[in-house]
Amino acid sequence: MNKTEPSYKDLEVVKNDYDDRDYEITISIPEFNAVCPRTGLPDFATIKIIYVPGKKIVELKSLKLYVTKYRTIGIFHEH
C-alpha cells in the first residue's frame, strides 16, 4: 500500500481537445475508502464529480491513484 499523503500535485492534466465546446465530464469513483479516525474501521463511499472543463481535463487514472492514497488515512468523509 502507498503510505504517501495525497496531494493535488499527484493529479495529472491533459489537453482538452474540445475546449471550444461546453460540455460536462461526469466521473463516478465507487471504490473510495479511508479509515475512520474514531474507530479505525474502514469507511466506504462513492465520489461523484461533475465539471465543465476548460483548456485541460483531469487524467482519470491519476485521479483514481490519488483517491486510493486515502485508504490508510484517518479522515472523516466530510473533510
N, C-alpha and C. Protein backbone atom coordinates (compact mmCIF):
# COMPACT_ATOMS: atom_id res chain seq x y z
N MET A 1 0.84 -1.19 0.00
CA MET A 1 0.00 0.00 0.00
C MET A 1 0.88 1.24 0.00
N ASN A 2 0.39 2.26 -0.65
CA ASN A 2 1.13 3.51 -0.72
C ASN A 2 0.90 4.31 0.56
N LYS A 3 1.96 4.64 1.26
CA LYS A 3 1.86 5.38 2.52
C LYS A 3 2.03 6.89 2.32
N THR A 4 2.16 7.33 1.08
CA THR A 4 2.34 8.74 0.79
C THR A 4 1.03 9.50 0.99
N GLU A 5 1.13 10.67 1.60
CA GLU A 5 -0.06 11.51 1.78
C GLU A 5 -0.58 11.98 0.41
N PRO A 6 -1.88 12.03 0.23
CA PRO A 6 -2.43 12.54 -1.02
C PRO A 6 -2.08 14.02 -1.21
N SER A 7 -1.82 14.41 -2.43
CA SER A 7 -1.52 15.80 -2.76
C SER A 7 -2.12 16.12 -4.12
N TYR A 8 -2.63 17.34 -4.27
CA TYR A 8 -3.17 17.74 -5.56
C TYR A 8 -2.11 17.63 -6.65
N LYS A 9 -0.84 17.63 -6.27
CA LYS A 9 0.25 17.52 -7.25
C LYS A 9 0.30 16.14 -7.89
N ASP A 10 -0.39 15.16 -7.28
CA ASP A 10 -0.48 13.82 -7.85
C ASP A 10 -1.39 13.78 -9.08
N LEU A 11 -2.23 14.77 -9.22
CA LEU A 11 -3.19 14.80 -10.33
C LEU A 11 -2.52 15.31 -11.60
N GLU A 12 -2.72 14.57 -12.67
CA GLU A 12 -2.19 14.98 -13.97
C GLU A 12 -3.33 15.58 -14.79
N VAL A 13 -2.98 16.52 -15.63
CA VAL A 13 -3.97 17.10 -16.54
C VAL A 13 -3.48 16.89 -17.97
N VAL A 14 -4.43 16.81 -18.87
CA VAL A 14 -4.12 16.67 -20.30
C VAL A 14 -4.90 17.72 -21.06
N LYS A 15 -4.45 17.99 -22.26
CA LYS A 15 -5.10 18.98 -23.11
C LYS A 15 -6.52 18.54 -23.44
N ASN A 16 -7.43 19.47 -23.36
CA ASN A 16 -8.81 19.24 -23.76
C ASN A 16 -8.91 19.50 -25.27
N ASP A 17 -9.08 18.46 -26.04
CA ASP A 17 -9.17 18.60 -27.50
C ASP A 17 -10.46 19.30 -27.95
N TYR A 18 -11.40 19.48 -27.04
CA TYR A 18 -12.69 20.09 -27.39
C TYR A 18 -12.96 21.32 -26.54
N ASP A 19 -11.92 22.12 -26.30
CA ASP A 19 -12.10 23.29 -25.44
C ASP A 19 -12.94 24.39 -26.06
N ASP A 20 -13.32 24.22 -27.31
CA ASP A 20 -14.20 25.18 -27.96
C ASP A 20 -15.67 24.85 -27.73
N ARG A 21 -15.95 23.78 -26.99
CA ARG A 21 -17.32 23.35 -26.71
C ARG A 21 -17.58 23.39 -25.20
N ASP A 22 -18.82 23.63 -24.84
CA ASP A 22 -19.23 23.50 -23.44
C ASP A 22 -19.85 22.12 -23.26
N TYR A 23 -19.28 21.33 -22.39
CA TYR A 23 -19.82 20.01 -22.08
C TYR A 23 -19.39 19.63 -20.67
N GLU A 24 -20.09 18.66 -20.11
CA GLU A 24 -19.79 18.20 -18.77
C GLU A 24 -19.02 16.88 -18.81
N ILE A 25 -18.10 16.75 -17.88
CA ILE A 25 -17.44 15.48 -17.64
C ILE A 25 -17.99 14.96 -16.33
N THR A 26 -18.47 13.71 -16.33
CA THR A 26 -19.03 13.08 -15.15
C THR A 26 -18.17 11.88 -14.79
N ILE A 27 -17.71 11.87 -13.54
CA ILE A 27 -16.85 10.78 -13.06
C ILE A 27 -17.48 10.21 -11.80
N SER A 28 -17.54 8.89 -11.71
CA SER A 28 -18.02 8.21 -10.51
C SER A 28 -16.92 7.26 -10.05
N ILE A 29 -16.52 7.40 -8.79
CA ILE A 29 -15.49 6.52 -8.23
C ILE A 29 -16.12 5.79 -7.04
N PRO A 30 -16.65 4.58 -7.28
CA PRO A 30 -17.36 3.86 -6.22
C PRO A 30 -16.46 3.17 -5.21
N GLU A 31 -15.16 3.15 -5.46
CA GLU A 31 -14.27 2.39 -4.58
C GLU A 31 -13.50 3.26 -3.57
N PHE A 32 -13.98 4.47 -3.28
CA PHE A 32 -13.29 5.30 -2.30
C PHE A 32 -13.40 4.66 -0.91
N ASN A 33 -12.27 4.62 -0.22
CA ASN A 33 -12.31 4.22 1.18
C ASN A 33 -11.19 4.90 1.95
N ALA A 34 -11.43 5.04 3.23
CA ALA A 34 -10.49 5.66 4.16
C ALA A 34 -10.67 4.96 5.50
N VAL A 35 -9.95 5.41 6.50
CA VAL A 35 -10.04 4.82 7.83
C VAL A 35 -10.76 5.81 8.73
N CYS A 36 -11.75 5.32 9.46
CA CYS A 36 -12.45 6.18 10.42
C CYS A 36 -11.48 6.55 11.53
N PRO A 37 -11.28 7.85 11.79
CA PRO A 37 -10.33 8.26 12.82
C PRO A 37 -10.77 7.91 14.25
N ARG A 38 -12.05 7.65 14.43
CA ARG A 38 -12.54 7.29 15.78
C ARG A 38 -12.42 5.80 16.05
N THR A 39 -12.82 4.98 15.07
CA THR A 39 -12.88 3.54 15.31
C THR A 39 -11.73 2.76 14.68
N GLY A 40 -11.07 3.37 13.68
CA GLY A 40 -10.03 2.65 12.96
C GLY A 40 -10.58 1.69 11.92
N LEU A 41 -11.90 1.64 11.78
CA LEU A 41 -12.54 0.76 10.80
C LEU A 41 -12.57 1.42 9.43
N PRO A 42 -12.62 0.63 8.38
CA PRO A 42 -12.68 1.23 7.05
C PRO A 42 -14.04 1.88 6.79
N ASP A 43 -13.99 3.01 6.12
CA ASP A 43 -15.20 3.71 5.66
C ASP A 43 -15.19 3.65 4.15
N PHE A 44 -16.37 3.51 3.57
CA PHE A 44 -16.51 3.40 2.12
C PHE A 44 -17.45 4.48 1.61
N ALA A 45 -17.20 4.94 0.39
CA ALA A 45 -18.05 5.97 -0.21
C ALA A 45 -17.91 5.93 -1.72
N THR A 46 -18.84 6.58 -2.37
CA THR A 46 -18.75 6.82 -3.81
C THR A 46 -18.55 8.31 -4.02
N ILE A 47 -17.51 8.65 -4.76
CA ILE A 47 -17.25 10.04 -5.09
C ILE A 47 -17.82 10.31 -6.47
N LYS A 48 -18.61 11.36 -6.59
CA LYS A 48 -19.17 11.77 -7.88
C LYS A 48 -18.68 13.18 -8.19
N ILE A 49 -18.10 13.32 -9.37
CA ILE A 49 -17.56 14.61 -9.80
C ILE A 49 -18.20 14.97 -11.13
N ILE A 50 -18.71 16.18 -11.22
CA ILE A 50 -19.25 16.70 -12.48
C ILE A 50 -18.63 18.07 -12.68
N TYR A 51 -17.97 18.26 -13.83
CA TYR A 51 -17.38 19.57 -14.09
C TYR A 51 -17.37 19.88 -15.58
N VAL A 52 -17.32 21.17 -15.88
CA VAL A 52 -17.20 21.65 -17.26
C VAL A 52 -15.73 22.01 -17.44
N PRO A 53 -15.02 21.28 -18.32
CA PRO A 53 -13.59 21.52 -18.47
C PRO A 53 -13.29 22.79 -19.26
N GLY A 54 -12.10 23.29 -19.03
CA GLY A 54 -11.58 24.42 -19.80
C GLY A 54 -10.56 23.89 -20.80
N LYS A 55 -9.37 24.43 -20.77
CA LYS A 55 -8.31 24.03 -21.70
C LYS A 55 -7.68 22.69 -21.33
N LYS A 56 -7.85 22.26 -20.07
CA LYS A 56 -7.28 21.00 -19.59
C LYS A 56 -8.36 20.15 -18.95
N ILE A 57 -8.13 18.83 -18.92
CA ILE A 57 -9.01 17.92 -18.19
C ILE A 57 -8.15 17.07 -17.25
N VAL A 58 -8.75 16.59 -16.19
CA VAL A 58 -8.04 15.73 -15.25
C VAL A 58 -7.92 14.33 -15.86
N GLU A 59 -6.70 13.82 -15.86
CA GLU A 59 -6.46 12.48 -16.38
C GLU A 59 -7.03 11.48 -15.37
N LEU A 60 -7.89 10.59 -15.84
CA LEU A 60 -8.68 9.72 -14.97
C LEU A 60 -7.82 8.77 -14.13
N LYS A 61 -6.82 8.16 -14.70
CA LYS A 61 -6.01 7.22 -13.93
C LYS A 61 -5.29 7.93 -12.78
N SER A 62 -4.79 9.12 -13.01
CA SER A 62 -4.12 9.85 -11.93
C SER A 62 -5.12 10.20 -10.83
N LEU A 63 -6.36 10.49 -11.20
CA LEU A 63 -7.40 10.77 -10.20
C LEU A 63 -7.67 9.53 -9.35
N LYS A 64 -7.77 8.38 -9.98
CA LYS A 64 -8.03 7.14 -9.23
C LYS A 64 -6.85 6.79 -8.33
N LEU A 65 -5.61 6.99 -8.81
CA LEU A 65 -4.44 6.74 -7.97
C LEU A 65 -4.40 7.71 -6.79
N TYR A 66 -4.79 8.96 -7.02
CA TYR A 66 -4.88 9.95 -5.95
C TYR A 66 -5.87 9.51 -4.88
N VAL A 67 -7.05 9.07 -5.31
CA VAL A 67 -8.10 8.65 -4.39
C VAL A 67 -7.67 7.44 -3.57
N THR A 68 -6.94 6.51 -4.16
CA THR A 68 -6.52 5.31 -3.40
C THR A 68 -5.54 5.64 -2.29
N LYS A 69 -4.88 6.78 -2.35
CA LYS A 69 -3.95 7.16 -1.28
C LYS A 69 -4.68 7.42 0.05
N TYR A 70 -5.99 7.60 0.02
CA TYR A 70 -6.75 7.83 1.24
C TYR A 70 -7.03 6.56 2.02
N ARG A 71 -6.72 5.40 1.46
CA ARG A 71 -7.04 4.13 2.12
C ARG A 71 -6.41 3.97 3.49
N THR A 72 -5.28 4.58 3.71
CA THR A 72 -4.60 4.44 5.00
C THR A 72 -4.68 5.71 5.85
N ILE A 73 -5.45 6.67 5.39
CA ILE A 73 -5.57 7.96 6.07
C ILE A 73 -6.79 7.95 6.99
N GLY A 74 -6.60 8.36 8.25
CA GLY A 74 -7.72 8.52 9.16
C GLY A 74 -8.38 9.87 8.91
N ILE A 75 -9.53 9.84 8.26
CA ILE A 75 -10.19 11.09 7.87
C ILE A 75 -11.70 10.88 7.82
N PHE A 76 -12.44 11.89 8.23
CA PHE A 76 -13.89 11.86 8.08
C PHE A 76 -14.24 12.21 6.64
N HIS A 77 -15.25 11.60 6.09
CA HIS A 77 -15.67 11.90 4.70
C HIS A 77 -16.03 13.36 4.53
N GLU A 78 -16.51 13.98 5.57
CA GLU A 78 -16.91 15.38 5.48
C GLU A 78 -15.72 16.30 5.19
N HIS A 79 -14.53 15.85 5.51
CA HIS A 79 -13.34 16.66 5.24
C HIS A 79 -12.97 16.57 3.79
